Structure formats: C-alpha cells, structure tokens
Protein backbone atom coordinates (compact mmCIF):
# COMPACT_ATOMS: atom_id res chain seq x y z
CA MET A 1 -33.01 148.88 -71.55
CA ASN A 2 -31.42 149.40 -68.16
CA ILE A 3 -28.48 151.53 -68.41
CA ALA A 4 -25.84 149.25 -67.27
CA ARG A 5 -27.11 146.62 -69.91
CA ASN A 6 -26.88 149.41 -72.76
CA ALA A 7 -23.56 149.89 -71.73
CA LEU A 8 -22.49 146.51 -72.20
CA PHE A 9 -24.29 146.34 -75.64
CA GLN A 10 -22.43 149.47 -76.54
CA ALA A 11 -19.18 147.97 -75.58
CA ILE A 12 -19.77 145.05 -77.60
CA MET A 13 -20.92 146.80 -80.59
CA VAL A 14 -17.38 149.20 -80.38
CA SER A 15 -15.27 146.15 -80.21
CA THR A 16 -17.02 144.42 -82.94
CA SER A 17 -17.10 147.03 -85.45
CA ILE A 18 -13.31 146.64 -85.50
CA VAL A 19 -11.59 144.66 -88.44
CA MET A 20 -9.72 141.83 -86.70
CA THR A 21 -6.39 141.00 -88.28
CA SER A 22 -5.59 138.05 -85.82
CA PRO A 23 -7.64 135.43 -84.28
CA ALA A 24 -5.66 136.23 -80.71
CA THR A 25 -8.39 136.64 -78.25
CA ALA A 26 -8.32 137.35 -74.79
CA ALA A 27 -10.48 134.25 -72.23
CA LEU A 28 -13.72 136.04 -71.15
CA SER A 29 -13.60 137.07 -67.85
CA GLU A 30 -15.73 135.69 -65.12
CA GLU A 31 -17.71 138.94 -64.95
CA GLN A 32 -18.47 138.48 -68.77
CA ILE A 33 -19.39 134.88 -67.87
CA ALA A 34 -21.69 135.37 -65.17
CA LYS A 35 -23.82 137.75 -67.82
CA LEU A 36 -25.11 134.77 -69.65
CA GLY A 37 -28.68 133.54 -68.32
CA THR A 38 -28.96 137.23 -66.83
CA GLU A 39 -28.08 140.38 -68.56
CA LEU A 40 -27.74 138.02 -71.71
CA THR A 41 -29.52 135.05 -72.99
CA PRO A 42 -27.46 131.70 -72.50
CA VAL A 43 -26.14 131.85 -75.97
CA GLY A 44 -25.15 135.51 -75.46
CA ALA A 45 -28.03 137.22 -77.35
CA ASN A 46 -29.64 140.40 -76.07
CA PRO A 47 -32.74 139.74 -74.26
CA ASP A 48 -34.38 142.99 -74.68
CA ALA A 49 -36.67 144.26 -76.96
CA ASN A 50 -35.76 147.12 -79.44
CA ALA A 51 -36.53 150.73 -78.97
CA ASP A 52 -39.81 150.61 -80.67
CA GLY A 53 -40.85 147.09 -79.95
CA THR A 54 -40.59 145.44 -83.11
CA ILE A 55 -38.52 143.08 -81.88
CA PRO A 56 -39.62 141.75 -78.50
CA ALA A 57 -37.96 140.42 -75.82
CA TRP A 58 -36.87 137.01 -75.48
CA THR A 59 -38.59 135.12 -72.67
CA GLY A 60 -37.34 131.51 -73.07
CA GLY A 61 -38.38 130.65 -76.81
CA LEU A 62 -40.92 127.67 -78.15
CA THR A 63 -40.67 124.60 -75.61
CA SER A 64 -43.60 122.82 -76.07
CA PRO A 65 -45.47 121.43 -79.44
CA PRO A 66 -49.14 122.86 -79.99
CA ASP A 67 -52.14 121.02 -78.53
CA GLY A 68 -53.06 117.68 -79.82
CA TRP A 69 -49.66 117.80 -82.11
CA SER A 70 -47.97 114.57 -83.25
CA PRO A 71 -44.92 113.90 -84.74
CA GLU A 72 -46.36 112.16 -88.11
CA GLN A 73 -48.37 116.02 -88.73
CA GLY A 74 -44.91 117.40 -89.48
CA TYR A 75 -43.97 120.88 -87.68
CA THR A 76 -47.38 122.33 -87.68
CA ASP A 77 -47.66 125.99 -87.69
CA PRO A 78 -47.98 127.23 -84.05
CA PHE A 79 -49.21 130.77 -85.04
CA PRO A 80 -51.70 130.01 -87.58
CA GLU A 81 -53.46 133.11 -87.04
CA ASP A 82 -50.62 135.51 -87.68
CA GLN A 83 -51.40 137.64 -90.34
CA VAL A 84 -49.12 139.61 -92.86
CA LYS A 85 -48.44 142.82 -91.51
CA PHE A 86 -47.24 144.34 -94.97
CA THR A 87 -45.46 142.92 -98.01
CA ILE A 88 -41.76 144.34 -99.67
CA ASN A 89 -41.92 144.35 -103.13
CA ARG A 90 -40.56 146.54 -106.21
CA ASP A 91 -42.78 149.24 -105.39
CA ASN A 92 -41.38 150.11 -101.70
CA VAL A 93 -37.93 148.20 -101.47
CA GLU A 94 -36.21 151.78 -101.03
CA GLN A 95 -38.49 152.24 -98.30
CA TYR A 96 -36.96 149.03 -96.70
CA ARG A 97 -33.65 149.42 -97.73
CA ASP A 98 -31.81 149.94 -94.37
CA LYS A 99 -33.27 146.29 -93.25
CA LEU A 100 -32.52 144.22 -95.92
CA SER A 101 -29.32 142.81 -97.40
CA GLU A 102 -27.68 143.58 -100.72
CA GLY A 103 -28.98 140.11 -101.63
CA GLN A 104 -32.46 140.77 -100.68
CA ILE A 105 -32.63 143.92 -102.53
CA ALA A 106 -30.87 142.28 -105.74
CA LEU A 107 -34.00 139.50 -105.86
CA ILE A 108 -36.58 141.88 -105.53
CA GLN A 109 -35.22 143.94 -108.27
CA LYS A 110 -34.52 141.16 -110.56
CA TYR A 111 -37.57 138.96 -110.14
CA ASP A 112 -41.23 140.06 -110.36
CA ASN A 113 -42.86 137.17 -108.07
CA PHE A 114 -39.91 137.81 -105.30
CA ASN A 115 -41.58 139.46 -102.53
CA MET A 116 -41.12 139.54 -98.60
CA PRO A 117 -44.63 139.04 -96.56
CA ILE A 118 -43.61 140.64 -93.16
CA TYR A 119 -45.18 138.99 -90.22
CA GLN A 120 -44.87 139.91 -85.99
CA THR A 121 -41.43 138.90 -84.73
CA ARG A 122 -41.61 135.95 -82.39
CA ARG A 123 -38.25 135.25 -80.72
CA THR A 124 -38.74 130.97 -80.55
CA ALA A 125 -35.14 129.54 -80.61
CA ALA A 126 -34.51 127.57 -77.31
CA LEU A 127 -32.29 124.80 -76.55
CA PRO A 128 -32.35 122.23 -73.60
CA GLU A 129 -31.08 123.47 -70.04
CA ASP A 130 -28.22 121.19 -69.93
CA VAL A 131 -26.95 122.59 -72.98
CA TYR A 132 -27.19 126.30 -71.66
CA ALA A 133 -25.41 124.78 -68.62
CA ASN A 134 -22.72 123.54 -70.63
CA ILE A 135 -22.04 126.78 -72.77
CA LYS A 136 -21.75 128.90 -69.52
CA LYS A 137 -19.59 125.83 -67.95
CA HIS A 138 -16.81 126.09 -70.61
CA ALA A 139 -17.53 129.71 -71.97
CA GLY A 140 -13.82 130.91 -70.72
CA ALA A 141 -11.79 127.70 -71.86
CA VAL A 142 -12.78 127.43 -75.31
CA GLU A 143 -9.22 128.99 -77.42
CA LEU A 144 -9.05 129.56 -81.05
CA GLN A 145 -5.82 128.10 -82.44
CA SER A 146 -4.95 129.50 -85.69
CA VAL A 147 -8.29 129.18 -87.41
CA GLY A 148 -9.30 125.89 -85.21
CA ILE A 149 -10.43 125.64 -81.82
CA LYS A 150 -9.34 123.40 -78.75
CA ASN A 151 -10.96 122.72 -75.57
CA LEU A 152 -14.38 122.70 -77.27
CA ASN A 153 -15.80 120.01 -74.94
CA GLY A 154 -19.15 119.73 -76.06
CA SER A 155 -20.18 123.50 -75.82
CA ASN A 156 -22.63 124.45 -78.88
CA VAL A 157 -21.53 127.92 -78.50
CA PRO A 158 -18.20 128.08 -77.88
CA PHE A 159 -17.89 132.16 -77.95
CA PRO A 160 -21.27 133.64 -76.61
CA ILE A 161 -19.45 136.83 -76.53
CA PRO A 162 -17.47 136.77 -79.99
CA GLU A 163 -14.68 139.24 -80.49
CA ASN A 164 -14.23 138.51 -84.18
CA GLY A 165 -16.25 136.89 -87.32
CA LEU A 166 -14.09 133.70 -86.96
CA GLN A 167 -15.36 133.12 -83.48
CA ALA A 168 -18.87 133.67 -84.81
CA ILE A 169 -18.47 131.65 -87.54
CA TRP A 170 -17.66 128.81 -85.25
CA ASN A 171 -20.61 129.26 -83.17
CA HIS A 172 -22.56 128.45 -86.25
CA ASN A 173 -20.24 125.48 -87.24
CA VAL A 174 -20.95 123.65 -83.83
CA ARG A 175 -24.38 124.99 -82.63
CA TYR A 176 -27.12 122.68 -81.17
CA VAL A 177 -29.12 120.30 -83.09
CA GLY A 178 -30.17 117.89 -81.35
CA GLY A 179 -26.83 115.92 -80.79
CA GLY A 180 -27.67 113.66 -83.36
CA VAL A 181 -30.78 113.58 -86.14
CA ASP A 182 -32.23 110.77 -88.63
CA ARG A 183 -34.08 112.17 -91.62
CA GLU A 184 -34.74 112.30 -95.00
CA TYR A 185 -35.60 114.90 -97.47
CA HIS A 186 -36.04 116.51 -100.99
CA TRP A 187 -34.15 119.11 -102.69
CA PHE A 188 -34.64 120.50 -106.11
CA PRO A 189 -32.43 122.41 -108.70
CA VAL A 190 -34.72 124.57 -110.49
CA ARG A 191 -33.73 126.13 -113.61
CA GLY A 192 -34.72 129.41 -115.13
CA ASN A 193 -37.17 128.10 -117.51
CA GLY A 194 -38.93 126.77 -114.31
CA ASP A 195 -37.78 122.80 -115.14
CA TYR A 196 -37.12 120.66 -112.22
CA TYR A 197 -35.98 117.45 -110.72
CA LYS A 198 -36.32 115.61 -107.53
CA VAL A 199 -33.52 114.52 -105.18
CA GLY A 200 -34.35 112.57 -102.32
CA PHE A 201 -31.72 112.20 -99.64
CA HIS A 202 -31.68 110.25 -96.21
CA GLU A 203 -29.01 111.14 -93.50
CA LYS A 204 -27.83 110.57 -90.09
CA ARG A 205 -25.81 112.70 -88.47
CA VAL A 206 -24.49 112.09 -84.79
CA PHE A 207 -22.49 114.32 -82.80
CA ASP A 208 -19.18 112.73 -80.92
CA GLU A 209 -20.70 113.40 -77.67
CA ASN A 210 -23.62 110.88 -78.92
CA MET A 211 -21.38 108.24 -80.05
CA ASP A 212 -20.72 104.83 -78.22
CA ARG A 213 -17.01 105.74 -77.75
CA PRO A 214 -15.08 108.93 -78.10
CA SER A 215 -12.74 110.13 -81.28
CA GLU A 216 -10.01 112.41 -80.91
CA ASN A 217 -10.91 116.12 -82.25
CA ARG A 218 -13.85 114.71 -83.66
CA LEU A 219 -17.10 116.99 -84.07
CA LEU A 220 -19.65 114.47 -85.71
CA ASN A 221 -20.06 111.39 -87.95
CA TYR A 222 -22.15 111.85 -91.18
CA MET A 223 -23.37 109.44 -93.40
CA ALA A 224 -26.24 110.04 -96.13
CA GLU A 225 -27.73 107.97 -98.99
CA PHE A 226 -29.15 109.23 -102.29
CA THR A 227 -33.06 107.66 -102.89
CA ASN A 228 -33.66 109.84 -106.26
CA PRO A 229 -33.31 110.34 -109.01
CA PRO A 230 -32.34 106.53 -110.49
CA THR A 231 -28.92 107.89 -111.64
CA LEU A 232 -27.86 108.82 -107.87
CA GLU A 233 -29.94 105.94 -106.10
CA GLY A 234 -27.84 103.93 -103.56
CA THR A 235 -24.70 106.44 -103.85
CA ILE A 236 -23.52 106.59 -100.21
CA GLN A 237 -21.52 109.51 -98.40
CA LEU A 238 -19.65 109.15 -95.54
CA VAL A 239 -17.66 111.77 -93.32
CA HIS A 240 -15.95 112.24 -90.36
CA GLU A 241 -16.10 115.64 -89.40
CA PRO A 242 -12.96 117.27 -87.27
CA ILE A 243 -13.37 120.01 -84.92
CA ASP A 244 -10.17 121.47 -86.28
CA GLN A 245 -10.00 120.87 -89.97
CA VAL A 246 -6.70 122.41 -90.34
CA LYS A 247 -4.95 120.34 -87.93
CA GLU A 248 -6.68 117.32 -89.19
CA PRO A 249 -8.41 117.38 -92.78
CA ARG A 250 -12.05 116.18 -93.02
CA SER A 251 -12.06 112.28 -94.05
CA ALA A 252 -15.05 111.35 -96.63
CA TRP A 253 -15.71 108.51 -98.62
CA ILE A 254 -18.42 107.56 -100.87
CA TYR A 255 -19.93 104.39 -102.25
CA ASN A 256 -20.64 104.45 -105.86
CA VAL A 257 -23.46 102.30 -106.70
CA GLY A 258 -22.25 101.91 -110.34
CA GLN A 259 -19.01 100.79 -109.71
CA ARG A 260 -19.53 98.76 -106.35
CA ARG A 261 -16.85 100.23 -104.60
CA VAL A 262 -15.95 102.65 -102.07
CA ARG A 263 -13.59 105.33 -102.70
CA ARG A 264 -12.11 108.19 -100.82
CA ALA A 265 -13.83 111.37 -101.38
CA PRO A 266 -11.39 114.77 -100.53
CA ASP A 267 -13.36 116.93 -103.19
CA LEU A 268 -16.33 116.96 -100.46
CA ALA A 269 -14.92 120.44 -98.79
CA TYR A 270 -14.59 123.59 -99.58
CA ASP A 271 -16.00 125.13 -103.04
CA ASN A 272 -16.47 121.48 -104.69
CA ALA A 273 -20.35 120.69 -106.16
CA ASN A 274 -22.04 118.14 -104.78
CA ASP A 275 -23.79 115.43 -106.75
CA GLY A 276 -27.50 116.55 -107.83
CA THR A 277 -26.97 120.14 -106.97
CA GLU A 278 -26.55 121.26 -110.65
CA GLY A 279 -23.12 123.15 -109.20
CA LEU A 280 -25.74 125.67 -107.60
CA ARG A 281 -24.48 124.84 -103.99
CA THR A 282 -20.65 124.38 -102.80
CA THR A 283 -19.62 121.65 -100.19
CA ASP A 284 -19.15 124.49 -97.73
CA GLN A 285 -22.64 125.93 -97.90
CA PHE A 286 -24.16 122.79 -96.93
CA ASP A 287 -26.28 123.45 -93.56
CA ALA A 288 -25.46 126.88 -94.67
CA TYR A 289 -21.86 127.27 -93.94
CA ASN A 290 -19.88 124.03 -92.76
CA GLY A 291 -15.89 123.04 -92.71
CA ALA A 292 -12.80 124.66 -92.35
CA PRO A 293 -12.67 128.53 -92.48
CA ASP A 294 -8.68 129.04 -93.53
CA ARG A 295 -9.51 130.11 -96.95
CA TYR A 296 -11.37 133.37 -95.94
CA LYS A 297 -10.29 136.21 -93.42
CA TRP A 298 -13.09 137.12 -91.14
CA GLU A 299 -14.64 140.54 -89.80
CA LEU A 300 -17.26 140.68 -87.58
CA LYS A 301 -19.09 143.81 -88.35
CA GLY A 302 -21.68 144.05 -85.75
CA LYS A 303 -25.29 143.68 -85.00
CA LYS A 304 -28.06 144.75 -87.53
CA GLU A 305 -31.90 144.73 -87.23
CA ILE A 306 -32.71 143.22 -90.66
CA TYR A 307 -35.70 141.04 -91.94
CA VAL A 308 -34.88 137.61 -92.31
CA PRO A 309 -36.61 134.06 -92.98
CA TYR A 310 -37.94 133.11 -89.78
CA ASN A 311 -40.52 130.76 -88.09
CA THR A 312 -41.40 129.52 -91.61
CA TYR A 313 -43.60 126.70 -90.74
CA LYS A 314 -46.18 127.04 -93.61
CA LEU A 315 -43.26 125.10 -95.82
CA SER A 316 -43.86 122.31 -93.37
CA ASP A 317 -47.58 121.72 -94.31
CA LYS A 318 -47.99 118.27 -95.13
CA SER A 319 -50.62 119.11 -97.67
CA LEU A 320 -48.85 121.02 -100.13
CA THR A 321 -47.17 119.30 -103.26
CA TYR A 322 -44.06 120.26 -104.36
CA ASP A 323 -45.71 121.55 -107.32
CA GLU A 324 -47.43 124.17 -105.51
CA ILE A 325 -44.23 125.17 -103.76
CA LEU A 326 -41.82 125.75 -106.50
CA GLU A 327 -41.71 128.38 -109.37
CA SER A 328 -39.60 129.88 -111.89
CA ASN A 329 -36.61 131.93 -110.07
CA THR A 330 -37.97 131.30 -106.53
CA ILE A 331 -40.39 129.35 -104.51
CA LYS A 332 -43.35 131.19 -103.85
CA SER A 333 -43.37 133.80 -101.92
CA GLU A 334 -46.87 133.80 -99.99
CA LEU A 335 -45.45 130.55 -98.70
CA MET A 336 -42.51 132.45 -96.92
CA ARG A 337 -42.30 134.45 -93.68
CA TYR A 338 -39.95 137.17 -92.55
CA GLU A 339 -39.52 138.69 -89.32
CA LEU A 340 -37.52 141.17 -87.91
CA HIS A 341 -34.80 139.97 -86.20
CA ARG A 342 -30.81 141.06 -84.69
CA VAL A 343 -28.26 139.30 -86.57
CA TRP A 344 -24.59 139.25 -86.32
CA VAL A 345 -23.13 140.18 -89.68
CA VAL A 346 -19.99 138.46 -90.74
CA GLU A 347 -17.98 139.50 -94.15
CA ALA A 348 -15.47 136.52 -95.31
CA THR A 349 -12.90 137.75 -97.64
CA LEU A 350 -10.49 135.31 -99.85
CA ARG A 351 -7.11 135.36 -98.75
CA GLU A 352 -4.83 136.30 -101.32
CA ASP A 353 -2.72 132.90 -101.35
CA SER A 354 -5.95 130.95 -101.19
CA SER A 355 -8.88 129.74 -103.89
CA HIS A 356 -12.70 129.70 -103.92
CA ILE A 357 -15.58 130.46 -106.53
CA TYR A 358 -16.36 133.22 -103.91
CA GLY A 359 -14.03 136.19 -103.51
CA LYS A 360 -16.55 137.71 -100.72
CA ARG A 361 -19.56 136.23 -98.86
CA THR A 362 -21.88 138.19 -96.23
CA PHE A 363 -23.29 136.11 -93.50
CA TYR A 364 -26.40 137.06 -91.42
CA LEU A 365 -26.35 135.01 -87.87
CA ASP A 366 -29.46 134.92 -85.97
CA GLU A 367 -28.27 136.11 -82.45
CA ASP A 368 -30.66 133.58 -80.61
CA SER A 369 -29.58 130.32 -82.26
CA TRP A 370 -25.97 131.17 -84.07
CA SER A 371 -27.49 129.90 -87.34
CA VAL A 372 -26.42 131.69 -90.78
CA LEU A 373 -30.28 132.88 -91.71
CA MET A 374 -28.85 134.38 -95.38
CA GLU A 375 -25.53 134.60 -97.19
CA ASP A 376 -24.60 137.05 -100.19
CA ALA A 377 -21.96 135.69 -102.14
CA TYR A 378 -19.75 137.43 -104.75
CA ASP A 379 -17.59 136.15 -107.42
CA THR A 380 -13.74 137.34 -107.43
CA ARG A 381 -14.57 139.94 -109.44
CA GLY A 382 -16.77 141.43 -106.76
CA ASP A 383 -20.18 140.99 -108.55
CA LEU A 384 -22.88 139.72 -106.33
CA TRP A 385 -23.33 136.52 -107.89
CA ARG A 386 -25.69 134.28 -105.45
CA VAL A 387 -28.20 135.05 -102.81
CA SER A 388 -28.91 132.13 -99.99
CA LEU A 389 -31.91 132.17 -97.40
CA HIS A 390 -31.98 129.45 -94.82
CA GLY A 391 -35.21 129.70 -93.13
CA LEU A 392 -35.53 128.92 -89.48
CA ILE A 393 -38.11 127.11 -87.21
CA GLN A 394 -38.01 125.71 -83.78
CA PHE A 395 -38.54 121.85 -83.96
CA TYR A 396 -40.20 122.26 -80.67
CA ASP A 397 -40.53 118.63 -79.66
CA ALA A 398 -36.74 118.34 -79.45
CA GLN A 399 -35.85 121.88 -78.60
CA VAL A 400 -33.94 122.51 -81.90
CA PRO A 401 -33.67 125.70 -84.00
CA TRP A 402 -32.86 124.79 -87.09
CA TYR A 403 -33.68 124.98 -91.09
CA ARG A 404 -37.19 124.07 -92.79
CA PHE A 405 -35.48 124.74 -95.89
CA ASN A 406 -32.24 126.13 -97.67
CA LEU A 407 -32.66 128.59 -100.96
CA PHE A 408 -29.73 128.97 -102.87
CA HIS A 409 -30.75 131.50 -105.75
CA ASP A 410 -27.99 132.45 -108.84
CA LEU A 411 -28.58 136.02 -109.88
CA ASN A 412 -26.57 135.25 -113.17
CA ASN A 413 -28.99 132.65 -114.74
CA GLY A 414 -32.20 132.90 -112.88
CA SER A 415 -31.91 129.29 -111.21
CA TYR A 416 -32.43 128.03 -107.69
CA LEU A 417 -31.80 125.28 -105.34
CA VAL A 418 -34.19 124.63 -102.55
CA SER A 419 -33.10 121.71 -100.03
CA ASN A 420 -35.06 120.22 -96.86
CA LEU A 421 -38.40 119.94 -98.14
CA ALA A 422 -40.36 117.24 -96.22
CA ASN A 423 -43.79 117.59 -97.53
CA GLU A 424 -44.06 114.22 -99.08
CA VAL A 425 -41.77 112.24 -96.46
CA ASP A 426 -44.15 110.15 -94.23
CA GLU A 427 -41.22 108.98 -91.69
CA PRO A 428 -40.97 111.76 -88.77
CA TRP A 429 -37.25 113.23 -88.22
CA LYS A 430 -36.02 111.94 -85.12
CA PHE A 431 -33.49 114.05 -83.05
CA GLY A 432 -31.18 113.03 -80.33
CA ILE A 433 -30.25 109.68 -81.62
CA GLU A 434 -27.26 107.75 -80.54
CA GLY A 435 -24.93 105.90 -82.86
CA ARG A 436 -21.96 103.24 -82.63
CA TYR A 437 -18.71 103.55 -83.51
CA ILE A 438 -18.64 100.60 -86.37
CA GLU A 439 -21.45 102.32 -88.41
CA PHE A 440 -19.49 105.26 -89.48
CA GLN A 441 -16.58 103.54 -90.83
CA PRO A 442 -15.60 102.61 -94.41
CA ASP A 443 -16.47 98.66 -94.15
CA ALA A 444 -19.87 99.74 -92.91
CA LEU A 445 -20.36 101.85 -96.19
CA ARG A 446 -19.36 98.78 -98.17
CA ARG A 447 -21.76 96.25 -96.29
CA ARG A 448 -24.43 99.12 -96.64
CA GLY A 449 -23.67 99.30 -100.27
CA ARG A 450 -24.26 95.57 -101.18
C-alpha cells in the first residue's frame, strides 16, 4: 500500500473508533468523493491486499458466469478446484481467536459438529457500472436526519466513507440486490434433537426505481406467499418499505387464507417473530438486518480481519438434498466455506427508552458489498444468546453479491433456522425485474388471495 493511501486508511480507522453519540455528520468533500474508484473501490472499500497477502487486492470482482453455465443449473461453484487450507475446531480455536467473532468461538466450543473450513480469499463482490456511477454521483448529497436519511436518489451506498455505525447499517439496508428480484426458496426450523420441517416461500421484491410509478419515501415494495407447510400455504404478506421508517412507519398487510381476509400487520417489524420461524428469527433479522434503526445506539468500531462465510457456492449444488445439508445444532460444516475478509464492525446497544429482545448486537459488514455477514446477539442481561451467519455469493449473471443462506443459531436450546436454500427449487431466481404500482396494493392482495 502506498504512503498516501496508508495515511487515508489510518485516518478512517481513527475516526471510526470513536463512539458516535450523535448522528450529525459532515458531508463528504470533493477530495474524498474523488477517491471512490481510485484510492478506494467504488463502494468505499480498501482495494489493496493486506500486509501478508492473505486478503488479495480487489480487481473488479466476479462479473461473468462459468463457461457453459445456464440459470437452470443454479449458481454452480466457479472455484471447484479450491481446497481447504485448514480447519478451525475445538483443538485449535485459541490459535485463531483474534480472527473470529465471539459468536463463532461460542459455536465451536458448544457443538462437536461446528467447525470452520478455511479457504483462500476471493474478493468476488461486483456491482454494475451504472450503480457505481450513481454511488459516486450522490456520495456527498445523502444526509442523515435523526435516524432516517434523505436525498437517497437511488444510491445503493449512501455513505461510502462512513463516520458512524448508523451510516454503515444504512449502507446495508439500501445495498444493491438487482433492483428487483423474483425468487422461491425454502427455510427450515431445526430443533435441538434434529427434527425439522420445511417452509416454502415465494417472494417478489421490487425497489422503487424499478416501479412503473414512483412513490414518495419508498425504498421497495414486497409481496411474498407461503407455499409450505399446509398450515401456512396460501398466506400472503405485502409490505411497503419506506426509506425513513421513523418519519413514516412500515406499512404491511397479511392475507390469512383461513379467514380469507386481508388485515393490517403492524407486527411485521422490530423483534416480532415471523410465521414458520419458531421464534428463531426476529422480523428485523430478515435479510440479516432490515427496518427502522431507531431502537438502538449505533457505534462504528472500525475494521477487522475476520473469517466469514463467503463464496459459499457448495450450498447451491442442485444434487444435494436437504437431508444432506441439515444436522442437529447446525448445517453440515463440510459444505461451508470461510475466508479471511476485512469487515466493518458495528455495535448496536438498545436505547434506555426502547424495547427489544436483544440488548446488544454486533454486526460484521463486508467491506466489498456492505452486506451483514455475521451477527452476535445478546439478551438484555448481556449474555450471548444467538449467533447468525450469512453466507455471501456473487450472483454472477446479475452482478449481485447476496446471500446463499441465512443461518440463525440459538445457543440456549441448540435449535437453529436456516433460510434461502433453493436446492429443490426448479425455477431460477430472476434479478432486475420491474413492477407495477397496482400489483403491490392491498386490493391486489385480496384478488391474489381468492
């Protein structure tokens, strides 16, 4: 790393290690903005390799599928020749403690079958060029207002050089996932004794810029239908997601197939549990984290080199059955892939005047995509309770870095929830879809329910 660039990152690290008690921030200077795409990657990451080369330089990411690939194959592993370098387990966990989260250490110590196969690091995250251009164009214009934001203008990284934890978590909330996506997947609540059942889910998520008509303060429109089990089949959710959820709370509706009616669903927010999750995932843990951030104080702790689930393509293998993936206490470790990456560490502490089942949460955000890759969640007594792992892959046909799985462990009872699996789904996921305003209204929910 050259001297000027090293000085820049030292300045960033010093500024982000300070506890931010106020969301007030200064706009980025023209000099800072000019660094995007030069001394920084287009999303604000460090493009250089680390000192010992265990994290390589970012050279643009993975922008094309493997030769001969077709969507019907699912997202096949573009690195099939990569071998496990070493495995972290109970016998050697202390040797790697400085590159693990407290949650990972707890999982290794608690479960015989939780271990971490470590592979070489591949910085595959990549976004379309027009997305990069829009990030740079609006980098100095987006502002925090209390805990909300204004002047987003479709930017997917509003704060590429974050000054506090609130800015960092907003980068995650509005990050690029293709403008719109239509997908079907399965999730599984797995009890401590290994028993589980399948939940089927078909969702359509369209961001405001991909709608036929814009809506004020609208981030995205979301509709999803349960396809399994029979007790939930036909239940439909509709969400209008605002940009600033303090100014305008999330609007949500549910079509209940048993009652054959649509009702408002104010409980689709914060720490309320969702149908089919056995309470193992709160609403704001969907997509790793979402929603209004007003119940927490957010502190940016700086960057850390840590082993995270990354390029987890093995779990896309269409020849795998779900029985071959699921085990007691966690999914099969041999199917996982961990790599050393630089992550932003963000700590959320519950405000004294707010309520939530988690008193403190530590999030680990990928520097190359702003996706939350892991979360350690503590109860209100300060004890580590739940550990979440979110395996990232590059959806190479759409230039979207997003999750191959979301995995939520409960350390108290040994159960877990794994979501976003599509091994037994035939229809390929579709990115870049567009939506019509009329399709995402409560009346449309009623018509679809009938």
